[in-house]
Each structure stands twice: as structure tokens, then as C-alpha cells.
Protein backbone atom coordinates (compact mmCIF):
# COMPACT_ATOMS: atom_id res chain seq x y z
CA MET A 1 -38.02 -54.32 -139.87
CA GLY A 2 -34.97 -52.11 -140.08
CA ASN A 3 -32.66 -50.87 -137.44
CA TRP A 4 -32.12 -47.23 -137.36
CA ALA A 5 -29.23 -45.61 -135.74
CA ARG A 6 -28.70 -42.04 -136.04
CA ALA A 7 -26.43 -38.96 -134.20
CA MET A 8 -27.22 -35.59 -134.24
CA ARG A 9 -25.82 -32.81 -132.28
CA PRO A 10 -28.20 -30.74 -130.65
CA GLY A 11 -29.16 -27.29 -132.56
CA ARG A 12 -27.24 -28.62 -135.73
CA ARG A 13 -29.31 -29.60 -138.71
CA ARG A 14 -27.10 -32.91 -139.10
CA ALA A 15 -27.22 -36.41 -139.11
CA ILE A 16 -25.73 -39.76 -140.12
CA SER A 17 -28.66 -42.22 -140.77
CA LEU A 18 -27.89 -46.17 -141.11
CA ASN A 19 -30.50 -48.52 -142.07
CA THR A 20 -29.96 -52.56 -142.14
CA THR A 21 -32.61 -54.13 -143.33
CA GLU A 22 -32.79 -57.84 -142.29
CA ALA A 23 -34.52 -61.18 -143.14
CA ASN A 24 -34.61 -64.03 -141.17
CA GLY A 25 -32.01 -62.67 -138.87
CA ASP A 26 -29.91 -62.50 -142.40
CA ARG A 27 -28.02 -59.15 -143.04
CA LEU A 28 -29.37 -58.19 -146.53
CA MET A 29 -28.68 -54.52 -147.04
CA THR A 30 -26.94 -51.55 -145.25
CA THR A 31 -28.22 -48.00 -146.37
CA ALA A 32 -26.09 -45.09 -145.73
CA SER A 33 -26.86 -41.16 -145.76
CA ARG A 34 -24.06 -38.64 -144.88
CA HIS A 35 -25.12 -34.72 -145.00
CA ALA A 36 -22.97 -32.10 -145.90
CA SER A 37 -23.69 -28.30 -146.46
CA THR A 38 -22.37 -25.15 -147.83
CA ILE A 39 -22.84 -21.66 -146.69
CA TRP A 40 -22.34 -19.31 -149.27
CA ASP A 41 -22.17 -15.76 -149.95
CA GLY A 42 -22.52 -13.41 -152.83
CA ASP A 43 -22.42 -13.78 -156.34
CA LEU A 44 -20.71 -16.62 -158.07
CA THR A 45 -17.64 -14.64 -159.15
CA HIS A 46 -16.47 -12.87 -156.12
CA GLY A 47 -18.97 -14.69 -153.44
CA THR A 48 -17.12 -17.16 -150.80
CA GLY A 49 -18.48 -20.26 -149.34
CA THR A 50 -17.63 -22.89 -146.48
CA VAL A 51 -18.54 -26.71 -146.66
CA ASN A 52 -19.11 -28.31 -143.36
CA SER A 53 -20.06 -32.10 -142.97
CA ALA A 54 -22.22 -34.28 -140.54
CA SER A 55 -19.15 -36.10 -139.22
CA GLU A 56 -17.13 -33.00 -138.54
CA ALA A 57 -14.35 -34.55 -141.09
CA LEU A 58 -15.30 -31.33 -143.51
CA ARG A 59 -15.28 -28.57 -141.31
CA GLU A 60 -15.26 -24.35 -142.79
CA LEU A 61 -13.77 -25.93 -145.88
CA PRO A 62 -13.26 -22.64 -148.02
CA VAL A 63 -14.85 -22.75 -151.10
CA THR A 64 -14.96 -19.98 -154.15
CA TYR A 65 -15.48 -20.01 -157.91
CA LYS A 66 -11.57 -17.83 -158.06
CA THR A 67 -10.00 -21.04 -156.35
CA ARG A 68 -12.09 -23.56 -158.22
CA VAL A 69 -11.22 -22.71 -161.72
CA GLY A 70 -7.64 -21.38 -160.85
CA ARG A 71 -5.05 -22.04 -158.07
CA PRO A 72 -6.57 -23.62 -155.03
CA ASP A 73 -4.77 -21.47 -152.40
CA GLY A 74 -5.32 -23.68 -149.56
CA GLN A 75 -9.18 -23.78 -150.38
CA THR A 76 -10.86 -26.92 -151.90
CA SER A 77 -13.78 -27.34 -154.59
CA PRO A 78 -16.54 -30.23 -155.80
CA GLU A 79 -14.37 -31.54 -158.15
CA GLU A 80 -11.74 -32.11 -155.49
CA LEU A 81 -14.35 -33.62 -152.83
CA ILE A 82 -15.16 -35.74 -155.47
CA SER A 83 -11.93 -36.86 -155.62
CA ALA A 84 -11.56 -37.67 -152.69
CA ALA A 85 -14.72 -39.57 -152.57
CA HIS A 86 -13.55 -41.52 -155.70
CA ALA A 87 -10.34 -42.21 -154.38
CA SER A 88 -11.53 -43.85 -150.89
CA CYS A 89 -14.35 -45.59 -152.23
CA PHE A 90 -12.02 -47.63 -155.16
CA SER A 91 -9.40 -47.95 -151.97
CA MET A 92 -11.73 -49.89 -149.97
CA ALA A 93 -13.68 -51.91 -153.13
CA LEU A 94 -9.88 -52.79 -154.41
CA ALA A 95 -9.01 -53.92 -151.09
CA ASP A 96 -12.35 -55.84 -150.41
CA LEU A 97 -11.63 -57.72 -154.21
CA LEU A 98 -8.50 -58.44 -153.50
CA ALA A 99 -9.48 -60.55 -150.33
CA LYS A 100 -11.88 -62.28 -151.87
CA GLU A 101 -9.66 -63.31 -154.39
CA GLY A 102 -7.23 -64.63 -151.77
CA HIS A 103 -4.60 -61.47 -151.85
CA PRO A 104 -5.50 -59.81 -148.93
CA SER A 105 -3.33 -56.24 -149.74
CA GLU A 106 -0.88 -54.70 -147.29
CA HIS A 107 -0.87 -51.12 -148.55
CA LEU A 108 -2.90 -49.30 -151.34
CA ASP A 109 -1.66 -45.78 -152.00
CA VAL A 110 -4.49 -44.42 -154.17
CA SER A 111 -5.44 -40.85 -155.81
CA ALA A 112 -8.14 -39.44 -158.21
CA THR A 113 -7.82 -36.57 -160.76
CA VAL A 114 -11.11 -35.31 -161.41
CA THR A 115 -11.39 -32.66 -164.33
CA LEU A 116 -13.68 -29.93 -165.35
CA ASP A 117 -14.30 -28.82 -168.27
CA ASP A 118 -16.37 -26.22 -170.39
CA ARG A 119 -15.00 -26.06 -173.84
CA SER A 120 -17.85 -28.04 -175.10
CA GLY A 121 -20.27 -26.02 -173.35
CA PRO A 122 -21.06 -25.63 -169.82
CA PRO A 123 -18.74 -26.53 -167.04
CA THR A 124 -18.93 -30.81 -166.90
CA ILE A 125 -16.69 -33.50 -165.33
CA MET A 126 -15.45 -35.27 -167.83
CA THR A 127 -12.70 -37.58 -166.29
CA SER A 128 -11.61 -39.27 -163.30
CA GLN A 129 -8.06 -41.05 -163.13
CA LEU A 130 -7.52 -43.37 -160.34
CA ALA A 131 -4.01 -44.39 -160.13
CA VAL A 132 -3.05 -46.71 -157.56
CA THR A 133 0.13 -48.50 -156.20
CA GLY A 134 -0.14 -51.30 -153.87
CA ARG A 135 1.43 -54.25 -152.08
CA VAL A 136 0.03 -57.24 -152.73
CA PRO A 137 1.79 -60.35 -151.96
CA GLY A 138 1.37 -63.07 -154.25
CA ILE A 139 -0.07 -61.35 -157.02
CA ASP A 140 1.49 -60.32 -160.56
CA ASN A 141 1.31 -57.25 -162.68
CA VAL A 142 -1.34 -58.25 -165.14
CA ALA A 143 -3.47 -59.79 -162.13
CA PHE A 144 -3.22 -56.58 -159.88
CA ARG A 145 -4.04 -54.69 -163.09
CA ASP A 146 -7.44 -56.45 -163.72
CA ALA A 147 -8.34 -55.95 -159.98
CA GLY A 148 -7.73 -53.10 -160.37
CA ARG A 149 -10.33 -52.57 -163.20
CA ARG A 150 -12.70 -54.60 -162.03
CA ALA A 151 -12.43 -52.90 -158.82
CA GLY A 152 -13.53 -49.43 -160.43
CA ALA A 153 -15.89 -50.54 -162.59
CA ALA A 154 -18.80 -51.15 -160.71
CA ARG A 155 -18.26 -49.26 -157.39
CA PRO A 156 -21.16 -46.30 -155.52
CA VAL A 157 -18.92 -43.72 -156.37
CA SER A 158 -18.18 -44.81 -159.92
CA ARG A 159 -21.77 -45.54 -160.76
CA ALA A 160 -22.59 -41.77 -158.88
CA LEU A 161 -20.09 -41.10 -162.00
CA ALA A 162 -21.23 -42.83 -164.67
CA ALA A 163 -21.32 -40.27 -167.15
CA VAL A 164 -18.09 -39.36 -166.63
CA ASP A 165 -14.38 -41.17 -168.54
CA ILE A 166 -13.10 -43.66 -165.34
CA THR A 167 -9.55 -44.55 -166.14
CA VAL A 168 -7.35 -46.81 -163.77
CA ASN A 169 -3.61 -47.10 -163.77
CA ALA A 170 -2.47 -49.65 -161.46
CA THR A 171 1.23 -50.95 -160.83
CA LEU A 172 2.26 -53.09 -157.96
CA ALA A 173 5.22 -51.64 -155.79
CA GLN A 174 8.48 -53.19 -156.09
CA PRO A 175 9.66 -54.93 -152.90
CA ASP A 176 11.77 -52.99 -150.82
């Protein structure tokens, strides 16, 4: 009963799949699959890699272990990619929640800081700190912080990071 849309580029192993399940004409759920890949050459400490995504939004992003645990020097890391995913997922969730509660946002500025730590054993992502500043007419700071807390609690990327300590710092922007 699903309607599948698939986009593939000839000669490449890249695909985006969307499946909408329907019952009696009502949309119940959409399942989205995304694909990214990394090519890695060499060992961990001296090797290099490139990250690519099926959407081509991420193209030939360089990644190395040295820049993962040190200065980025224009290269990405798995933690930076997780940060981007968490910030974008949270911004959508908060915008949706605020609109459903009658306070559509004019502007949300969201950042996420993901921390990798190896002090307690193998390297582990320990925290993701979300910070959001927003312009939301008709809402006070307390209600905005509460909406931020609720938006951060049960969204897809937050659930994927269930073992990670997630914090949200929500602040309303001062009117211009």
C-alpha cells in the first residue's frame, strides 16, 4: 500500500527513498531513508577520507582522525555531522511545536555542540548541547524555554542519541 519515490543517479550507488503508508486515503506515516558514504584510504592515524551524500549536499568533505580530535582545519568530523543533524532536526521540531501551540516563530537560530570524550574508556559521544535564540511573537521566556525542552526531548535525532546527555538552552531574542 505504499507509494515509493526513488531518485538514483545513473552509475552511482546513491538513493533517496520515501514511503508514504496510506489507509483509507489517510496519510499515516512517511518513512525517509537517506544515504551517505565515506571513502577511507590508509590507517586511522595517517589515513584520509571523504564524505559524500546521495543528495549531493555533502560533496567530497575531507575527514581525518587528526582533525577529528584536533583542529578542524576546514575538515569535517562525524561529530560535526551529528551536530548539524541535531540542530536541523531540533529547529524543525521547535518550529512545528510553536506553530501548533499558536506561536509560529519568525526566526530560530539553533546550534548544537557534540562532545567526543575518551577519558572513561573508548571514545564516546557524551553530550549534545543545543542552543536556540528565537523571535516568537506572543510568547514569554519561560514558555519558550519549556517549548525548547519539549521539542528536544522526543525528536528523531534526539532519540538516536538516547545514550547522550542532551541539554537545551533556549533564549528569546530581544526585539529590534
